[in-house]
Amino acid sequence: MKLEKQKAPHLGRRPEADLVDDLGLSQWLGISTGTLEQWRFQGLGPRFVKLGGAKRGPVRYLTAEVDAWLHGQTRAQTGAEGRSAA
């Protein structure tokens, strides 16, 4: 069985808008929208806004919250855990 090499995620251009949707954030962070969905379910990733209060309401991310979360992911060594951005 041949293993395919996966591309490492890379940061795209930071959106200029204050709110971004799943697609915009996935492009910014270089990850899939499915990963963002899993992170929300597991309580990982950046904080998000649920619009309309409905269970299936649209999700948006404040770019300031994403910036704070990214700063909380800094590490001094590979085995270290990221800082909490809470």
PDB file of N, CA and C in Angstrom:
ATOM      1  N   MET A   1       0.841  -1.171   0.000  1.00  0.00           N
ATOM      2  CA  MET A   1       0.000   0.000   0.000  1.00  0.00           C
ATOM      3  C   MET A   1       0.892   1.241   0.000  1.00  0.00           C
ATOM      4  N   LYS A   2       0.627   2.150  -0.920  1.00  0.00           N
ATOM      5  CA  LYS A   2       1.422   3.367  -1.042  1.00  0.00           C
ATOM      6  C   LYS A   2       0.840   4.467  -0.151  1.00  0.00           C
ATOM      7  N   LEU A   3       1.684   5.054   0.676  1.00  0.00           N
ATOM      8  CA  LEU A   3       1.246   6.146   1.534  1.00  0.00           C
ATOM      9  C   LEU A   3       1.428   7.460   0.796  1.00  0.00           C
ATOM     10  N   GLU A   4       0.397   8.285   0.832  1.00  0.00           N
ATOM     11  CA  GLU A   4       0.492   9.588   0.194  1.00  0.00           C
ATOM     12  C   GLU A   4       1.023  10.598   1.186  1.00  0.00           C
ATOM     13  N   LYS A   5       1.886  11.453   0.689  1.00  0.00           N
ATOM     14  CA  LYS A   5       2.460  12.500   1.516  1.00  0.00           C
ATOM     15  C   LYS A   5       1.432  13.617   1.682  1.00  0.00           C
ATOM     16  N   GLN A   6       1.193  14.019   2.918  1.00  0.00           N
ATOM     17  CA  GLN A   6       0.258  15.108   3.166  1.00  0.00           C
ATOM     18  C   GLN A   6       1.011  16.417   3.235  1.00  0.00           C
ATOM     19  N   LYS A   7       0.388  17.449   2.695  1.00  0.00           N
ATOM     20  CA  LYS A   7       0.977  18.776   2.787  1.00  0.00           C
ATOM     21  C   LYS A   7       0.789  19.301   4.208  1.00  0.00           C
ATOM     22  N   ALA A   8       1.807  19.955   4.713  1.00  0.00           N
ATOM     23  CA  ALA A   8       1.691  20.575   6.027  1.00  0.00           C
ATOM     24  C   ALA A   8       0.802  21.805   5.905  1.00  0.00           C
ATOM     25  N   PRO A   9      -0.042  22.071   6.907  1.00  0.00           N
ATOM     26  CA  PRO A   9      -0.877  23.259   6.832  1.00  0.00           C
ATOM     27  C   PRO A   9      -0.020  24.517   6.850  1.00  0.00           C
ATOM     28  N   HIS A  10      -0.490  25.522   6.170  1.00  0.00           N
ATOM     29  CA  HIS A  10       0.209  26.800   6.169  1.00  0.00           C
ATOM     30  C   HIS A  10      -0.815  27.904   6.381  1.00  0.00           C
ATOM     31  N   LEU A  11      -0.370  28.984   6.971  1.00  0.00           N
ATOM     32  CA  LEU A  11      -1.277  30.099   7.193  1.00  0.00           C
ATOM     33  C   LEU A  11      -1.460  30.866   5.897  1.00  0.00           C
ATOM     34  N   GLY A  12      -2.697  31.104   5.556  1.00  0.00           N
ATOM     35  CA  GLY A  12      -3.010  31.932   4.406  1.00  0.00           C
ATOM     36  C   GLY A  12      -3.068  33.388   4.834  1.00  0.00           C
ATOM     37  N   ARG A  13      -3.599  34.198   3.958  1.00  0.00           N
ATOM     38  CA  ARG A  13      -3.722  35.625   4.256  1.00  0.00           C
ATOM     39  C   ARG A  13      -4.816  35.851   5.297  1.00  0.00           C
ATOM     40  N   ARG A  14      -4.527  36.698   6.270  1.00  0.00           N
ATOM     41  CA  ARG A  14      -5.500  37.016   7.322  1.00  0.00           C
ATOM     42  C   ARG A  14      -6.645  37.814   6.711  1.00  0.00           C
ATOM     43  N   PRO A  15      -7.886  37.397   6.950  1.00  0.00           N
ATOM     44  CA  PRO A  15      -9.033  38.150   6.413  1.00  0.00           C
ATOM     45  C   PRO A  15      -9.097  39.550   7.009  1.00  0.00           C
ATOM     46  N   GLU A  16      -9.576  40.491   6.222  1.00  0.00           N
ATOM     47  CA  GLU A  16      -9.715  41.864   6.707  1.00  0.00           C
ATOM     48  C   GLU A  16     -11.023  42.075   7.458  1.00  0.00           C
ATOM     49  N   ALA A  17     -11.986  41.193   7.247  1.00  0.00           N
ATOM     50  CA  ALA A  17     -13.281  41.309   7.922  1.00  0.00           C
ATOM     51  C   ALA A  17     -13.140  40.939   9.397  1.00  0.00           C
ATOM     52  N   ASP A  18     -14.042  41.472  10.218  1.00  0.00           N
ATOM     53  CA  ASP A  18     -14.040  41.153  11.650  1.00  0.00           C
ATOM     54  C   ASP A  18     -14.611  39.772  11.930  1.00  0.00           C
ATOM     55  N   LEU A  19     -15.478  39.279  11.051  1.00  0.00           N
ATOM     56  CA  LEU A  19     -16.089  37.958  11.185  1.00  0.00           C
ATOM     57  C   LEU A  19     -15.761  37.129   9.953  1.00  0.00           C
ATOM     58  N   VAL A  20     -15.403  35.863  10.172  1.00  0.00           N
ATOM     59  CA  VAL A  20     -15.167  34.953   9.048  1.00  0.00           C
ATOM     60  C   VAL A  20     -15.965  33.673   9.271  1.00  0.00           C
ATOM     61  N   ASP A  21     -16.333  33.035   8.171  1.00  0.00           N
ATOM     62  CA  ASP A  21     -17.052  31.769   8.256  1.00  0.00           C
ATOM     63  C   ASP A  21     -16.061  30.606   8.233  1.00  0.00           C
ATOM     64  N   ASP A  22     -16.595  29.382   8.257  1.00  0.00           N
ATOM     65  CA  ASP A  22     -15.741  28.187   8.258  1.00  0.00           C
ATOM     66  C   ASP A  22     -14.774  28.164   7.080  1.00  0.00           C
ATOM     67  N   LEU A  23     -15.287  28.469   5.898  1.00  0.00           N
ATOM     68  CA  LEU A  23     -14.446  28.411   4.707  1.00  0.00           C
ATOM     69  C   LEU A  23     -13.315  29.430   4.788  1.00  0.00           C
ATOM     70  N   GLY A  24     -13.647  30.654   5.197  1.00  0.00           N
ATOM     71  CA  GLY A  24     -12.626  31.690   5.323  1.00  0.00           C
ATOM     72  C   GLY A  24     -11.560  31.323   6.339  1.00  0.00           C
ATOM     73  N   LEU A  25     -11.986  30.768   7.475  1.00  0.00           N
ATOM     74  CA  LEU A  25     -11.018  30.389   8.505  1.00  0.00           C
ATOM     75  C   LEU A  25     -10.193  29.187   8.070  1.00  0.00           C
ATOM     76  N   SER A  26     -10.823  28.242   7.398  1.00  0.00           N
ATOM     77  CA  SER A  26     -10.069  27.066   6.949  1.00  0.00           C
ATOM     78  C   SER A  26      -8.995  27.470   5.946  1.00  0.00           C
ATOM     79  N   GLN A  27      -9.306  28.431   5.080  1.00  0.00           N
ATOM     80  CA  GLN A  27      -8.311  28.919   4.125  1.00  0.00           C
ATOM     81  C   GLN A  27      -7.205  29.687   4.838  1.00  0.00           C
ATOM     82  N   TRP A  28      -7.569  30.458   5.849  1.00  0.00           N
ATOM     83  CA  TRP A  28      -6.587  31.229   6.613  1.00  0.00           C
ATOM     84  C   TRP A  28      -5.619  30.297   7.335  1.00  0.00           C
ATOM     85  N   LEU A  29      -6.161  29.256   7.992  1.00  0.00           N
ATOM     86  CA  LEU A  29      -5.327  28.366   8.797  1.00  0.00           C
ATOM     87  C   LEU A  29      -4.736  27.203   8.009  1.00  0.00           C
ATOM     88  N   GLY A  30      -5.222  26.978   6.792  1.00  0.00           N
ATOM     89  CA  GLY A  30      -4.712  25.870   5.984  1.00  0.00           C
ATOM     90  C   GLY A  30      -5.184  24.510   6.471  1.00  0.00           C
ATOM     91  N   ILE A  31      -6.413  24.464   6.985  1.00  0.00           N
ATOM     92  CA  ILE A  31      -7.006  23.212   7.472  1.00  0.00           C
ATOM     93  C   ILE A  31      -8.383  23.053   6.836  1.00  0.00           C
ATOM     94  N   SER A  32      -8.993  21.897   7.014  1.00  0.00           N
ATOM     95  CA  SER A  32     -10.304  21.660   6.414  1.00  0.00           C
ATOM     96  C   SER A  32     -11.424  22.214   7.298  1.00  0.00           C
ATOM     97  N   THR A  33     -12.572  22.442   6.665  1.00  0.00           N
ATOM     98  CA  THR A  33     -13.742  22.865   7.438  1.00  0.00           C
ATOM     99  C   THR A  33     -14.194  21.745   8.374  1.00  0.00           C
ATOM    100  N   GLY A  34     -13.942  20.496   7.990  1.00  0.00           N
ATOM    101  CA  GLY A  34     -14.262  19.361   8.858  1.00  0.00           C
ATOM    102  C   GLY A  34     -13.456  19.385  10.143  1.00  0.00           C
ATOM    103  N   THR A  35     -12.192  19.795  10.043  1.00  0.00           N
ATOM    104  CA  THR A  35     -11.355  19.923  11.238  1.00  0.00           C
ATOM    105  C   THR A  35     -11.931  20.984  12.163  1.00  0.00           C
ATOM    106  N   LEU A  36     -12.362  22.105  11.607  1.00  0.00           N
ATOM    107  CA  LEU A  36     -12.969  23.156  12.428  1.00  0.00           C
ATOM    108  C   LEU A  36     -14.222  22.643  13.131  1.00  0.00           C
ATOM    109  N   GLU A  37     -15.028  21.877  12.407  1.00  0.00           N
ATOM    110  CA  GLU A  37     -16.243  21.308  13.003  1.00  0.00           C
ATOM    111  C   GLU A  37     -15.896  20.373  14.156  1.00  0.00           C
ATOM    112  N   GLN A  38     -14.882  19.535  13.969  1.00  0.00           N
ATOM    113  CA  GLN A  38     -14.442  18.630  15.044  1.00  0.00           C
ATOM    114  C   GLN A  38     -13.918  19.421  16.231  1.00  0.00           C
ATOM    115  N   TRP A  39     -13.133  20.451  15.971  1.00  0.00           N
ATOM    116  CA  TRP A  39     -12.602  21.273  17.054  1.00  0.00           C
ATOM    117  C   TRP A  39     -13.726  21.901  17.867  1.00  0.00           C
ATOM    118  N   ARG A  40     -14.766  22.413  17.185  1.00  0.00           N
ATOM    119  CA  ARG A  40     -15.890  23.014  17.914  1.00  0.00           C
ATOM    120  C   ARG A  40     -16.562  21.980  18.800  1.00  0.00           C
ATOM    121  N   PHE A  41     -16.791  20.795  18.275  1.00  0.00           N
ATOM    122  CA  PHE A  41     -17.436  19.724  19.022  1.00  0.00           C
ATOM    123  C   PHE A  41     -16.604  19.326  20.236  1.00  0.00           C
ATOM    124  N   GLN A  42     -15.274  19.314  20.083  1.00  0.00           N
ATOM    125  CA  GLN A  42     -14.369  18.887  21.153  1.00  0.00           C
ATOM    126  C   GLN A  42     -13.957  20.030  22.076  1.00  0.00           C
ATOM    127  N   GLY A  43     -14.385  21.249  21.774  1.00  0.00           N
ATOM    128  CA  GLY A  43     -14.002  22.393  22.594  1.00  0.00           C
ATOM    129  C   GLY A  43     -12.582  22.850  22.339  1.00  0.00           C
ATOM    130  N   LEU A  44     -12.047  22.537  21.180  1.00  0.00           N
ATOM    131  CA  LEU A  44     -10.701  22.944  20.789  1.00  0.00           C
ATOM    132  C   LEU A  44     -10.807  24.096  19.795  1.00  0.00           C
ATOM    133  N   GLY A  45      -9.687  24.640  19.420  1.00  0.00           N
ATOM    134  CA  GLY A  45      -9.695  25.682  18.396  1.00  0.00           C
ATOM    135  C   GLY A  45     -10.149  27.017  18.940  1.00  0.00           C
ATOM    136  N   PRO A  46     -10.249  27.991  18.045  1.00  0.00           N
ATOM    137  CA  PRO A  46     -10.637  29.339  18.474  1.00  0.00           C
ATOM    138  C   PRO A  46     -12.105  29.408  18.879  1.00  0.00           C
ATOM    139  N   ARG A  47     -12.401  30.362  19.754  1.00  0.00           N
ATOM    140  CA  ARG A  47     -13.787  30.596  20.166  1.00  0.00           C
ATOM    141  C   ARG A  47     -14.584  31.052  18.951  1.00  0.00           C
ATOM    142  N   PHE A  48     -15.875  30.762  18.949  1.00  0.00           N
ATOM    143  CA  PHE A  48     -16.714  31.087  17.800  1.00  0.00           C
ATOM    144  C   PHE A  48     -18.028  31.711  18.240  1.00  0.00           C
ATOM    145  N   VAL A  49     -18.743  32.259  17.284  1.00  0.00           N
ATOM    146  CA  VAL A  49     -20.042  32.881  17.509  1.00  0.00           C
ATOM    147  C   VAL A  49     -21.086  32.048  16.785  1.00  0.00           C
ATOM    148  N   LYS A  50     -22.172  31.723  17.475  1.00  0.00           N
ATOM    149  CA  LYS A  50     -23.286  30.991  16.865  1.00  0.00           C
ATOM    150  C   LYS A  50     -24.391  32.015  16.624  1.00  0.00           C
ATOM    151  N   LEU A  51     -24.704  32.277  15.371  1.00  0.00           N
ATOM    152  CA  LEU A  51     -25.691  33.298  15.030  1.00  0.00           C
ATOM    153  C   LEU A  51     -27.107  32.744  15.092  1.00  0.00           C
ATOM    154  N   GLY A  52     -28.034  33.564  15.514  1.00  0.00           N
ATOM    155  CA  GLY A  52     -29.440  33.185  15.517  1.00  0.00           C
ATOM    156  C   GLY A  52     -29.866  32.317  16.683  1.00  0.00           C
ATOM    157  N   GLY A  53     -28.938  31.842  17.482  1.00  0.00           N
ATOM    158  CA  GLY A  53     -29.277  31.043  18.644  1.00  0.00           C
ATOM    159  C   GLY A  53     -29.803  29.653  18.335  1.00  0.00           C
ATOM    160  N   ALA A  54     -29.981  29.337  17.071  1.00  0.00           N
ATOM    161  CA  ALA A  54     -30.497  28.016  16.701  1.00  0.00           C
ATOM    162  C   ALA A  54     -29.404  26.964  16.809  1.00  0.00           C
ATOM    163  N   LYS A  55     -29.833  25.729  17.063  1.00  0.00           N
ATOM    164  CA  LYS A  55     -28.870  24.634  17.179  1.00  0.00           C
ATOM    165  C   LYS A  55     -28.028  24.510  15.908  1.00  0.00           C
ATOM    166  N   ARG A  56     -28.643  24.718  14.775  1.00  0.00           N
ATOM    167  CA  ARG A  56     -27.950  24.617  13.492  1.00  0.00           C
ATOM    168  C   ARG A  56     -27.656  25.992  12.891  1.00  0.00           C
ATOM    169  N   GLY A  57     -27.655  27.022  13.728  1.00  0.00           N
ATOM    170  CA  GLY A  57     -27.388  28.372  13.237  1.00  0.00           C
ATOM    171  C   GLY A  57     -25.984  28.492  12.673  1.00  0.00           C
ATOM    172  N   PRO A  58     -25.767  29.464  11.791  1.00  0.00           N
ATOM    173  CA  PRO A  58     -24.446  29.633  11.193  1.00  0.00           C
ATOM    174  C   PRO A  58     -23.391  30.003  12.235  1.00  0.00           C
ATOM    175  N   VAL A  59     -22.186  29.521  12.000  1.00  0.00           N
ATOM    176  CA  VAL A  59     -21.050  29.765  12.895  1.00  0.00           C
ATOM    177  C   VAL A  59     -20.123  30.778  12.238  1.00  0.00           C
ATOM    178  N   ARG A  60     -19.644  31.718  13.028  1.00  0.00           N
ATOM    179  CA  ARG A  60     -18.663  32.693  12.555  1.00  0.00           C
ATOM    180  C   ARG A  60     -17.570  32.806  13.603  1.00  0.00           C
ATOM    181  N   TYR A  61     -16.424  33.272  13.161  1.00  0.00           N
ATOM    182  CA  TYR A  61     -15.273  33.463  14.040  1.00  0.00           C
ATOM    183  C   TYR A  61     -14.867  34.929  14.012  1.00  0.00           C
ATOM    184  N   LEU A  62     -14.673  35.510  15.187  1.00  0.00           N
ATOM    185  CA  LEU A  62     -14.128  36.860  15.270  1.00  0.00           C
ATOM    186  C   LEU A  62     -12.625  36.764  15.012  1.00  0.00           C
ATOM    187  N   THR A  63     -12.120  37.568  14.097  1.00  0.00           N
ATOM    188  CA  THR A  63     -10.696  37.484  13.773  1.00  0.00           C
ATOM    189  C   THR A  63      -9.831  37.800  14.997  1.00  0.00           C
ATOM    190  N   ALA A  64     -10.313  38.666  15.887  1.00  0.00           N
ATOM    191  CA  ALA A  64      -9.556  38.962  17.111  1.00  0.00           C
ATOM    192  C   ALA A  64      -9.443  37.718  17.992  1.00  0.00           C
ATOM    193  N   GLU A  65     -10.506  36.911  18.060  1.00  0.00           N
ATOM    194  CA  GLU A  65     -10.468  35.663  18.838  1.00  0.00           C
ATOM    195  C   GLU A  65      -9.502  34.663  18.212  1.00  0.00           C
ATOM    196  N   VAL A  66      -9.484  34.607  16.881  1.00  0.00           N
ATOM    197  CA  VAL A  66      -8.565  33.694  16.195  1.00  0.00           C
ATOM    198  C   VAL A  66      -7.126  34.129  16.449  1.00  0.00           C
ATOM    199  N   ASP A  67      -6.867  35.443  16.380  1.00  0.00           N
ATOM    200  CA  ASP A  67      -5.522  35.952  16.678  1.00  0.00           C
ATOM    201  C   ASP A  67      -5.093  35.552  18.087  1.00  0.00           C
ATOM    202  N   ALA A  68      -5.995  35.718  19.064  1.00  0.00           N
ATOM    203  CA  ALA A  68      -5.682  35.359  20.454  1.00  0.00           C
ATOM    204  C   ALA A  68      -5.413  33.864  20.572  1.00  0.00           C
ATOM    205  N   TRP A  69      -6.220  33.056  19.903  1.00  0.00           N
ATOM    206  CA  TRP A  69      -6.026  31.606  19.929  1.00  0.00           C
ATOM    207  C   TRP A  69      -4.676  31.234  19.314  1.00  0.00           C
ATOM    208  N   LEU A  70      -4.335  31.854  18.195  1.00  0.00           N
ATOM    209  CA  LEU A  70      -3.044  31.570  17.558  1.00  0.00           C
ATOM    210  C   LEU A  70      -1.888  31.901  18.496  1.00  0.00           C
ATOM    211  N   HIS A  71      -1.974  33.036  19.185  1.00  0.00           N
ATOM    212  CA  HIS A  71      -0.923  33.391  20.149  1.00  0.00           C
ATOM    213  C   HIS A  71      -0.830  32.354  21.260  1.00  0.00           C
ATOM    214  N   GLY A  72      -1.951  31.764  21.630  1.00  0.00           N
ATOM    215  CA  GLY A  72      -1.965  30.732  22.668  1.00  0.00           C
ATOM    216  C   GLY A  72      -1.393  29.403  22.216  1.00  0.00           C
ATOM    217  N   GLN A  73      -1.160  29.251  20.928  1.00  0.00           N
ATOM    218  CA  GLN A  73      -0.617  27.999  20.398  1.00  0.00           C
ATOM    219  C   GLN A  73       0.906  27.992  20.339  1.00  0.00           C
ATOM    220  N   THR A  74       1.554  29.070  20.749  1.00  0.00           N
ATOM    221  CA  THR A  74       3.013  29.131  20.688  1.00  0.00           C
ATOM    222  C   THR A  74       3.631  28.148  21.672  1.00  0.00           C
ATOM    223  N   ARG A  75       4.735  27.579  21.262  1.00  0.00           N
ATOM    224  CA  ARG A  75       5.442  26.588  22.080  1.00  0.00           C
ATOM    225  C   ARG A  75       6.938  26.865  22.034  1.00  0.00           C
ATOM    226  N   ALA A  76       7.619  26.471  23.096  1.00  0.00           N
ATOM    227  CA  ALA A  76       9.070  26.606  23.152  1.00  0.00           C
ATOM    228  C   ALA A  76       9.758  25.333  22.672  1.00  0.00           C
ATOM    229  N   GLN A  77       9.035  24.208  22.707  1.00  0.00           N
ATOM    230  CA  GLN A  77       9.592  22.932  22.241  1.00  0.00           C
ATOM    231  C   GLN A  77       8.452  22.049  21.760  1.00  0.00           C
ATOM    232  N   THR A  78       8.779  21.016  21.003  1.00  0.00           N
ATOM    233  CA  THR A  78       7.747  20.209  20.360  1.00  0.00           C
ATOM    234  C   THR A  78       6.845  19.478  21.341  1.00  0.00           C
ATOM    235  N   GLY A  79       7.327  19.057  22.483  1.00  0.00           N
ATOM    236  CA  GLY A  79       6.518  18.315  23.443  1.00  0.00           C
ATOM    237  C   GLY A  79       5.687  19.190  24.351  1.00  0.00           C
ATOM    238  N   ALA A  80       5.901  20.509  24.303  1.00  0.00           N
ATOM    239  CA  ALA A  80       5.197  21.416  25.206  1.00  0.00           C
ATOM    240  C   ALA A  80       3.771  21.642  24.736  1.00  0.00           C
ATOM    241  N   GLU A  81       2.872  21.882  25.683  1.00  0.00           N
ATOM    242  CA  GLU A  81       1.498  22.217  25.334  1.00  0.00           C
ATOM    243  C   GLU A  81       1.404  23.711  25.114  1.00  0.00           C
ATOM    244  N   GLY A  82       0.463  24.108  24.256  1.00  0.00           N
ATOM    245  CA  GLY A  82       0.261  25.528  23.989  1.00  0.00           C
ATOM    246  C   GLY A  82      -0.305  26.232  25.205  1.00  0.00           C
ATOM    247  N   ARG A  83      -0.116  27.534  25.237  1.00  0.00           N
ATOM    248  CA  ARG A  83      -0.680  28.334  26.315  1.00  0.00           C
ATOM    249  C   ARG A  83      -2.178  28.451  26.124  1.00  0.00           C
ATOM    250  N   SER A  84      -2.892  28.520  27.194  1.00  0.00           N
ATOM    251  CA  SER A  84      -4.342  28.691  27.120  1.00  0.00           C
ATOM    252  C   SER A  84      -4.655  30.138  26.772  1.00  0.00           C
ATOM    253  N   ALA A  85      -5.562  30.326  25.825  1.00  0.00           N
ATOM    254  CA  ALA A  85      -5.955  31.671  25.421  1.00  0.00           C
ATOM    255  C   ALA A  85      -7.251  32.097  26.097  1.00  0.00           C
ATOM    256  N   ALA A  86      -7.624  31.405  27.146  1.00  0.00           N
ATOM    257  CA  ALA A  86      -8.899  31.678  27.820  1.00  0.00           C
ATOM    258  C   ALA A  86      -8.955  32.998  28.453  1.00  0.00           C
TER     259      ALA A  86
END
